[in-house]
């Protein structure tokens, strides 16, 4: 998945299998986790985040988000939104 110029929101909905983000810009773009457990917090996401080679991977069960060419240390809580719709 590739965004446009400027700030993008990459939405990952509960039940999706895999998303690969090719051009995430930490501090500019946002990752939206949509319709996950209503009690999910940013702190609750941290155990599922890992560095795999040049990519950040957020993985739980059969669901995976891969943010290519990004370091875990580049990301902050401000880059992630947790939404219920």
PDB file of N, CA and C in Angstrom:
ATOM      1  N   UNK A   1       0.845  -1.155   0.000  1.00  0.00           N
ATOM      2  CA  UNK A   1       0.000   0.000   0.000  1.00  0.00           C
ATOM      3  C   UNK A   1       0.904   1.235   0.000  1.00  0.00           C
ATOM      4  N   UNK A   2       0.548   2.170  -0.817  1.00  0.00           N
ATOM      5  CA  UNK A   2       1.338   3.388  -0.935  1.00  0.00           C
ATOM      6  C   UNK A   2       0.421   4.593  -0.772  1.00  0.00           C
ATOM      7  N   UNK A   3       0.872   5.560  -0.001  1.00  0.00           N
ATOM      8  CA  UNK A   3       0.090   6.780   0.187  1.00  0.00           C
ATOM      9  C   UNK A   3       0.420   7.812  -0.866  1.00  0.00           C
ATOM     10  N   UNK A   4      -0.206   8.948  -0.726  1.00  0.00           N
ATOM     11  CA  UNK A   4       0.028  10.077  -1.621  1.00  0.00           C
ATOM     12  C   UNK A   4       1.037  11.026  -0.977  1.00  0.00           C
ATOM     13  N   UNK A   5       1.329  12.115  -1.641  1.00  0.00           N
ATOM     14  CA  UNK A   5       2.202  13.133  -1.068  1.00  0.00           C
ATOM     15  C   UNK A   5       1.530  13.711   0.167  1.00  0.00           C
ATOM     16  N   UNK A   6       2.300  14.073   1.159  1.00  0.00           N
ATOM     17  CA  UNK A   6       1.749  14.637   2.388  1.00  0.00           C
ATOM     18  C   UNK A   6       1.323  13.570   3.362  1.00  0.00           C
ATOM     19  N   UNK A   7       0.520  13.942   4.341  1.00  0.00           N
ATOM     20  CA  UNK A   7       0.105  13.043   5.414  1.00  0.00           C
ATOM     21  C   UNK A   7      -0.941  12.048   4.921  1.00  0.00           C
ATOM     22  N   UNK A   8      -0.753  10.787   5.297  1.00  0.00           N
ATOM     23  CA  UNK A   8      -1.683   9.718   4.940  1.00  0.00           C
ATOM     24  C   UNK A   8      -2.131   8.998   6.198  1.00  0.00           C
ATOM     25  N   UNK A   9      -3.311   8.392   6.112  1.00  0.00           N
ATOM     26  CA  UNK A   9      -3.790   7.514   7.174  1.00  0.00           C
ATOM     27  C   UNK A   9      -3.969   6.138   6.547  1.00  0.00           C
ATOM     28  N   UNK A  10      -3.230   5.160   7.077  1.00  0.00           N
ATOM     29  CA  UNK A  10      -3.321   3.784   6.623  1.00  0.00           C
ATOM     30  C   UNK A  10      -4.200   3.039   7.625  1.00  0.00           C
ATOM     31  N   UNK A  11      -5.405   2.619   7.189  1.00  0.00           N
ATOM     32  CA  UNK A  11      -6.368   1.988   8.090  1.00  0.00           C
ATOM     33  C   UNK A  11      -6.268   0.468   8.000  1.00  0.00           C
ATOM     34  N   UNK A  12      -6.133  -0.159   9.159  1.00  0.00           N
ATOM     35  CA  UNK A  12      -6.105  -1.614   9.271  1.00  0.00           C
ATOM     36  C   UNK A  12      -7.278  -2.011  10.147  1.00  0.00           C
ATOM     37  N   UNK A  13      -8.237  -2.731   9.556  1.00  0.00           N
ATOM     38  CA  UNK A  13      -9.480  -3.070  10.241  1.00  0.00           C
ATOM     39  C   UNK A  13      -9.376  -4.468  10.843  1.00  0.00           C
ATOM     40  N   UNK A  14      -9.884  -4.614  12.072  1.00  0.00           N
ATOM     41  CA  UNK A  14      -9.937  -5.917  12.723  1.00  0.00           C
ATOM     42  C   UNK A  14     -10.501  -6.936  11.736  1.00  0.00           C
ATOM     43  N   UNK A  15      -9.809  -8.050  11.576  1.00  0.00           N
ATOM     44  CA  UNK A  15     -10.230  -9.084  10.639  1.00  0.00           C
ATOM     45  C   UNK A  15      -9.436  -9.082   9.351  1.00  0.00           C
ATOM     46  N   UNK A  16      -8.758  -7.965   9.028  1.00  0.00           N
ATOM     47  CA  UNK A  16      -7.875  -7.954   7.860  1.00  0.00           C
ATOM     48  C   UNK A  16      -6.727  -8.920   8.122  1.00  0.00           C
ATOM     49  N   UNK A  17      -6.164  -9.492   7.070  1.00  0.00           N
ATOM     50  CA  UNK A  17      -5.072 -10.445   7.241  1.00  0.00           C
ATOM     51  C   UNK A  17      -3.709  -9.766   7.269  1.00  0.00           C
ATOM     52  N   UNK A  18      -3.336  -9.139   6.167  1.00  0.00           N
ATOM     53  CA  UNK A  18      -1.996  -8.572   6.043  1.00  0.00           C
ATOM     54  C   UNK A  18      -2.062  -7.242   5.320  1.00  0.00           C
ATOM     55  N   UNK A  19      -1.259  -6.297   5.787  1.00  0.00           N
ATOM     56  CA  UNK A  19      -1.114  -5.022   5.102  1.00  0.00           C
ATOM     57  C   UNK A  19       0.376  -4.721   5.040  1.00  0.00           C
ATOM     58  N   UNK A  20       0.838  -4.318   3.883  1.00  0.00           N
ATOM     59  CA  UNK A  20       2.221  -3.877   3.713  1.00  0.00           C
ATOM     60  C   UNK A  20       2.182  -2.414   3.302  1.00  0.00           C
ATOM     61  N   UNK A  21       2.848  -1.577   4.091  1.00  0.00           N
ATOM     62  CA  UNK A  21       2.912  -0.143   3.810  1.00  0.00           C
ATOM     63  C   UNK A  21       4.307   0.154   3.277  1.00  0.00           C
ATOM     64  N   UNK A  22       4.357   0.665   2.060  1.00  0.00           N
ATOM     65  CA  UNK A  22       5.640   0.863   1.385  1.00  0.00           C
ATOM     66  C   UNK A  22       6.276   2.216   1.665  1.00  0.00           C
ATOM     67  N   UNK A  23       5.483   3.210   2.061  1.00  0.00           N
ATOM     68  CA  UNK A  23       6.057   4.561   2.152  1.00  0.00           C
ATOM     69  C   UNK A  23       5.585   5.322   3.394  1.00  0.00           C
ATOM     70  N   UNK A  24       5.580   4.656   4.540  1.00  0.00           N
ATOM     71  CA  UNK A  24       5.159   5.304   5.783  1.00  0.00           C
ATOM     72  C   UNK A  24       6.205   6.323   6.212  1.00  0.00           C
ATOM     73  N   UNK A  25       5.754   7.536   6.502  1.00  0.00           N
ATOM     74  CA  UNK A  25       6.654   8.594   6.983  1.00  0.00           C
ATOM     75  C   UNK A  25       6.324   8.854   8.455  1.00  0.00           C
ATOM     76  N   UNK A  26       7.169   8.346   9.343  1.00  0.00           N
ATOM     77  CA  UNK A  26       6.960   8.544  10.778  1.00  0.00           C
ATOM     78  C   UNK A  26       6.919  10.042  11.083  1.00  0.00           C
ATOM     79  N   UNK A  27       5.976  10.413  11.939  1.00  0.00           N
ATOM     80  CA  UNK A  27       5.813  11.820  12.289  1.00  0.00           C
ATOM     81  C   UNK A  27       4.941  12.592  11.312  1.00  0.00           C
ATOM     82  N   UNK A  28       4.589  11.964  10.197  1.00  0.00           N
ATOM     83  CA  UNK A  28       3.741  12.600   9.191  1.00  0.00           C
ATOM     84  C   UNK A  28       2.484  11.752   8.960  1.00  0.00           C
ATOM     85  N   UNK A  29       2.690  10.482   8.629  1.00  0.00           N
ATOM     86  CA  UNK A  29       1.589   9.560   8.369  1.00  0.00           C
ATOM     87  C   UNK A  29       1.083   8.954   9.675  1.00  0.00           C
ATOM     88  N   UNK A  30      -0.092   8.300   9.581  1.00  0.00           N
ATOM     89  CA  UNK A  30      -0.664   7.632  10.742  1.00  0.00           C
ATOM     90  C   UNK A  30      -1.134   6.233  10.368  1.00  0.00           C
ATOM     91  N   UNK A  31      -1.012   5.323  11.305  1.00  0.00           N
ATOM     92  CA  UNK A  31      -1.578   3.995  11.193  1.00  0.00           C
ATOM     93  C   UNK A  31      -2.821   3.967  12.066  1.00  0.00           C
ATOM     94  N   UNK A  32      -3.971   3.646  11.473  1.00  0.00           N
ATOM     95  CA  UNK A  32      -5.228   3.571  12.214  1.00  0.00           C
ATOM     96  C   UNK A  32      -5.606   2.110  12.409  1.00  0.00           C
ATOM     97  N   UNK A  33      -5.719   1.685  13.660  1.00  0.00           N
ATOM     98  CA  UNK A  33      -6.192   0.349  13.993  1.00  0.00           C
ATOM     99  C   UNK A  33      -7.682   0.488  14.272  1.00  0.00           C
ATOM    100  N   UNK A  34      -8.503  -0.124  13.429  1.00  0.00           N
ATOM    101  CA  UNK A  34      -9.941   0.128  13.437  1.00  0.00           C
ATOM    102  C   UNK A  34     -10.721  -1.101  13.912  1.00  0.00           C
ATOM    103  N   UNK A  35     -11.600  -0.867  14.894  1.00  0.00           N
ATOM    104  CA  UNK A  35     -12.532  -1.861  15.417  1.00  0.00           C
ATOM    105  C   UNK A  35     -11.858  -3.042  16.120  1.00  0.00           C
ATOM    106  N   UNK A  36     -10.693  -2.811  16.681  1.00  0.00           N
ATOM    107  CA  UNK A  36     -10.084  -3.820  17.539  1.00  0.00           C
ATOM    108  C   UNK A  36     -10.753  -3.721  18.908  1.00  0.00           C
ATOM    109  N   UNK A  37     -10.339  -4.527  19.853  1.00  0.00           N
ATOM    110  CA  UNK A  37     -10.905  -4.502  21.210  1.00  0.00           C
ATOM    111  C   UNK A  37     -11.007  -3.060  21.687  1.00  0.00           C
ATOM    112  N   UNK A  38     -12.176  -2.684  22.173  1.00  0.00           N
ATOM    113  CA  UNK A  38     -12.389  -1.293  22.591  1.00  0.00           C
ATOM    114  C   UNK A  38     -11.495  -0.880  23.752  1.00  0.00           C
ATOM    115  N   UNK A  39     -10.900  -1.839  24.443  1.00  0.00           N
ATOM    116  CA  UNK A  39      -9.984  -1.533  25.539  1.00  0.00           C
ATOM    117  C   UNK A  39      -8.522  -1.479  25.099  1.00  0.00           C
ATOM    118  N   UNK A  40      -8.276  -1.678  23.786  1.00  0.00           N
ATOM    119  CA  UNK A  40      -6.903  -1.642  23.280  1.00  0.00           C
ATOM    120  C   UNK A  40      -6.317  -0.250  23.446  1.00  0.00           C
ATOM    121  N   UNK A  41      -5.086  -0.206  23.927  1.00  0.00           N
ATOM    122  CA  UNK A  41      -4.358   1.053  24.079  1.00  0.00           C
ATOM    123  C   UNK A  41      -3.061   0.969  23.288  1.00  0.00           C
ATOM    124  N   UNK A  42      -2.419   2.110  23.131  1.00  0.00           N
ATOM    125  CA  UNK A  42      -1.108   2.107  22.471  1.00  0.00           C
ATOM    126  C   UNK A  42      -0.149   1.199  23.224  1.00  0.00           C
ATOM    127  N   UNK A  43      -0.190   1.273  24.542  1.00  0.00           N
ATOM    128  CA  UNK A  43       0.688   0.419  25.356  1.00  0.00           C
ATOM    129  C   UNK A  43       0.394  -1.055  25.105  1.00  0.00           C
ATOM    130  N   UNK A  44      -0.858  -1.382  24.802  1.00  0.00           N
ATOM    131  CA  UNK A  44      -1.237  -2.758  24.521  1.00  0.00           C
ATOM    132  C   UNK A  44      -0.752  -3.262  23.177  1.00  0.00           C
ATOM    133  N   UNK A  45      -0.407  -2.345  22.278  1.00  0.00           N
ATOM    134  CA  UNK A  45       0.093  -2.709  20.950  1.00  0.00           C
ATOM    135  C   UNK A  45       1.592  -3.033  21.004  1.00  0.00           C
ATOM    136  N   UNK A  46       2.314  -2.396  21.895  1.00  0.00           N
ATOM    137  CA  UNK A  46       3.780  -2.492  21.948  1.00  0.00           C
ATOM    138  C   UNK A  46       4.305  -3.925  21.954  1.00  0.00           C
ATOM    139  N   UNK A  47       3.721  -4.861  22.717  1.00  0.00           N
ATOM    140  CA  UNK A  47       4.267  -6.226  22.707  1.00  0.00           C
ATOM    141  C   UNK A  47       4.192  -6.924  21.343  1.00  0.00           C
ATOM    142  N   UNK A  48       3.386  -6.412  20.434  1.00  0.00           N
ATOM    143  CA  UNK A  48       3.218  -7.026  19.128  1.00  0.00           C
ATOM    144  C   UNK A  48       4.105  -6.398  18.048  1.00  0.00           C
ATOM    145  N   UNK A  49       4.912  -5.418  18.438  1.00  0.00           N
ATOM    146  CA  UNK A  49       5.763  -4.689  17.494  1.00  0.00           C
ATOM    147  C   UNK A  49       7.175  -5.260  17.535  1.00  0.00           C
ATOM    148  N   UNK A  50       7.739  -5.513  16.349  1.00  0.00           N
ATOM    149  CA  UNK A  50       9.121  -6.004  16.285  1.00  0.00           C
ATOM    150  C   UNK A  50       9.822  -5.430  15.058  1.00  0.00           C
ATOM    151  N   UNK A  51      11.134  -5.512  15.098  1.00  0.00           N
ATOM    152  CA  UNK A  51      11.956  -5.106  13.953  1.00  0.00           C
ATOM    153  C   UNK A  51      12.348  -6.379  13.223  1.00  0.00           C
ATOM    154  N   UNK A  52      12.049  -6.472  11.943  1.00  0.00           N
ATOM    155  CA  UNK A  52      12.457  -7.602  11.112  1.00  0.00           C
ATOM    156  C   UNK A  52      13.218  -7.046   9.918  1.00  0.00           C
ATOM    157  N   UNK A  53      14.522  -7.178   9.984  1.00  0.00           N
ATOM    158  CA  UNK A  53      15.400  -6.587   8.974  1.00  0.00           C
ATOM    159  C   UNK A  53      15.139  -5.083   8.896  1.00  0.00           C
ATOM    160  N   UNK A  54      14.765  -4.579   7.732  1.00  0.00           N
ATOM    161  CA  UNK A  54      14.552  -3.136   7.566  1.00  0.00           C
ATOM    162  C   UNK A  54      13.121  -2.697   7.855  1.00  0.00           C
ATOM    163  N   UNK A  55      12.283  -3.627   8.300  1.00  0.00           N
ATOM    164  CA  UNK A  55      10.858  -3.342   8.435  1.00  0.00           C
ATOM    165  C   UNK A  55      10.380  -3.435   9.879  1.00  0.00           C
ATOM    166  N   UNK A  56       9.341  -2.661  10.183  1.00  0.00           N
ATOM    167  CA  UNK A  56       8.617  -2.804  11.440  1.00  0.00           C
ATOM    168  C   UNK A  56       7.447  -3.744  11.170  1.00  0.00           C
ATOM    169  N   UNK A  57       7.257  -4.724  12.050  1.00  0.00           N
ATOM    170  CA  UNK A  57       6.152  -5.661  11.904  1.00  0.00           C
ATOM    171  C   UNK A  57       5.311  -5.616  13.172  1.00  0.00           C
ATOM    172  N   UNK A  58       4.008  -5.454  12.980  1.00  0.00           N
ATOM    173  CA  UNK A  58       3.039  -5.539  14.073  1.00  0.00           C
ATOM    174  C   UNK A  58       2.213  -6.779  13.767  1.00  0.00           C
ATOM    175  N   UNK A  59       2.341  -7.788  14.633  1.00  0.00           N
ATOM    176  CA  UNK A  59       1.757  -9.074  14.316  1.00  0.00           C
ATOM    177  C   UNK A  59       1.051  -9.668  15.521  1.00  0.00           C
ATOM    178  N   UNK A  60      -0.134 -10.176  15.282  1.00  0.00           N
ATOM    179  CA  UNK A  60      -0.886 -10.865  16.316  1.00  0.00           C
ATOM    180  C   UNK A  60      -1.786 -11.904  15.675  1.00  0.00           C
ATOM    181  N   UNK A  61      -1.582 -13.165  15.999  1.00  0.00           N
ATOM    182  CA  UNK A  61      -2.378 -14.224  15.384  1.00  0.00           C
ATOM    183  C   UNK A  61      -2.135 -14.284  13.897  1.00  0.00           C
ATOM    184  N   UNK A  62      -3.205 -14.208  13.124  1.00  0.00           N
ATOM    185  CA  UNK A  62      -3.087 -14.262  11.656  1.00  0.00           C
ATOM    186  C   UNK A  62      -3.004 -12.886  11.031  1.00  0.00           C
ATOM    187  N   UNK A  63      -2.996 -11.844  11.846  1.00  0.00           N
ATOM    188  CA  UNK A  63      -2.977 -10.482  11.326  1.00  0.00           C
ATOM    189  C   UNK A  63      -1.572  -9.902  11.394  1.00  0.00           C
ATOM    190  N   UNK A  64      -1.184  -9.205  10.313  1.00  0.00           N
ATOM    191  CA  UNK A  64       0.153  -8.617  10.291  1.00  0.00           C
ATOM    192  C   UNK A  64       0.147  -7.312   9.516  1.00  0.00           C
ATOM    193  N   UNK A  65       0.838  -6.338  10.080  1.00  0.00           N
ATOM    194  CA  UNK A  65       1.098  -5.070   9.397  1.00  0.00           C
ATOM    195  C   UNK A  65       2.607  -4.967   9.258  1.00  0.00           C
ATOM    196  N   UNK A  66       3.071  -4.758   8.056  1.00  0.00           N
ATOM    197  CA  UNK A  66       4.506  -4.596   7.793  1.00  0.00           C
ATOM    198  C   UNK A  66       4.720  -3.184   7.262  1.00  0.00           C
ATOM    199  N   UNK A  67       5.552  -2.424   7.955  1.00  0.00           N
ATOM    200  CA  UNK A  67       5.888  -1.066   7.529  1.00  0.00           C
ATOM    201  C   UNK A  67       7.321  -1.127   7.006  1.00  0.00           C
ATOM    202  N   UNK A  68       7.452  -1.070   5.696  1.00  0.00           N
ATOM    203  CA  UNK A  68       8.755  -1.272   5.061  1.00  0.00           C
ATOM    204  C   UNK A  68       9.700  -0.094   5.302  1.00  0.00           C
ATOM    205  N   UNK A  69      10.981  -0.437   5.394  1.00  0.00           N
ATOM    206  CA  UNK A  69      12.056   0.546   5.502  1.00  0.00           C
ATOM    207  C   UNK A  69      11.845   1.549   6.632  1.00  0.00           C
ATOM    208  N   UNK A  70      11.454   1.039   7.780  1.00  0.00           N
ATOM    209  CA  UNK A  70      11.188   1.859   8.953  1.00  0.00           C
ATOM    210  C   UNK A  70      11.792   1.173  10.170  1.00  0.00           C
ATOM    211  N   UNK A  71      12.296   1.952  11.096  1.00  0.00           N
ATOM    212  CA  UNK A  71      12.822   1.422  12.345  1.00  0.00           C
ATOM    213  C   UNK A  71      11.797   1.614  13.456  1.00  0.00           C
ATOM    214  N   UNK A  72      11.731   0.650  14.371  1.00  0.00           N
ATOM    215  CA  UNK A  72      10.852   0.783  15.525  1.00  0.00           C
ATOM    216  C   UNK A  72      11.138   2.094  16.249  1.00  0.00           C
ATOM    217  N   UNK A  73      12.401   2.440  16.345  1.00  0.00           N
ATOM    218  CA  UNK A  73      12.788   3.660  17.061  1.00  0.00           C
ATOM    219  C   UNK A  73      12.301   4.937  16.378  1.00  0.00           C
ATOM    220  N   UNK A  74      11.910   4.849  15.097  1.00  0.00           N
ATOM    221  CA  UNK A  74      11.377   6.012  14.382  1.00  0.00           C
ATOM    222  C   UNK A  74       9.921   6.289  14.738  1.00  0.00           C
ATOM    223  N   UNK A  75       9.219   5.269  15.239  1.00  0.00           N
ATOM    224  CA  UNK A  75       7.784   5.395  15.504  1.00  0.00           C
ATOM    225  C   UNK A  75       7.523   5.907  16.906  1.00  0.00           C
ATOM    226  N   UNK A  76       6.395   6.605  17.046  1.00  0.00           N
ATOM    227  CA  UNK A  76       5.960   7.056  18.371  1.00  0.00           C
ATOM    228  C   UNK A  76       4.468   6.786  18.507  1.00  0.00           C
ATOM    229  N   UNK A  77       3.953   6.952  19.697  1.00  0.00           N
ATOM    230  CA  UNK A  77       2.525   6.761  19.947  1.00  0.00           C
ATOM    231  C   UNK A  77       1.692   7.705  19.085  1.00  0.00           C
ATOM    232  N   UNK A  78       2.236   8.846  18.727  1.00  0.00           N
ATOM    233  CA  UNK A  78       1.508   9.813  17.899  1.00  0.00           C
ATOM    234  C   UNK A  78       1.292   9.319  16.469  1.00  0.00           C
ATOM    235  N   UNK A  79       2.022   8.273  16.059  1.00  0.00           N
ATOM    236  CA  UNK A  79       1.880   7.731  14.710  1.00  0.00           C
ATOM    237  C   UNK A  79       0.724   6.743  14.591  1.00  0.00           C
ATOM    238  N   UNK A  80       0.161   6.338  15.732  1.00  0.00           N
ATOM    239  CA  UNK A  80      -0.874   5.295  15.738  1.00  0.00           C
ATOM    240  C   UNK A  80      -2.170   5.844  16.340  1.00  0.00           C
ATOM    241  N   UNK A  81      -3.294   5.514  15.672  1.00  0.00           N
ATOM    242  CA  UNK A  81      -4.617   5.878  16.173  1.00  0.00           C
ATOM    243  C   UNK A  81      -5.395   4.586  16.387  1.00  0.00           C
ATOM    244  N   UNK A  82      -6.177   4.520  17.454  1.00  0.00           N
ATOM    245  CA  UNK A  82      -7.044   3.396  17.694  1.00  0.00           C
ATOM    246  C   UNK A  82      -8.479   3.915  17.605  1.00  0.00           C
ATOM    247  N   UNK A  83      -9.245   3.379  16.641  1.00  0.00           N
ATOM    248  CA  UNK A  83     -10.573   3.913  16.348  1.00  0.00           C
ATOM    249  C   UNK A  83     -11.646   2.840  16.449  1.00  0.00           C
ATOM    250  N   UNK A  84     -12.806   3.217  16.907  1.00  0.00           N
ATOM    251  CA  UNK A  84     -14.008   2.379  16.896  1.00  0.00           C
ATOM    252  C   UNK A  84     -15.016   3.066  15.989  1.00  0.00           C
ATOM    253  N   UNK A  85     -15.455   2.364  14.948  1.00  0.00           N
ATOM    254  CA  UNK A  85     -16.458   2.945  14.047  1.00  0.00           C
ATOM    255  C   UNK A  85     -17.631   2.006  13.878  1.00  0.00           C
TER     256      UNK A  85
END
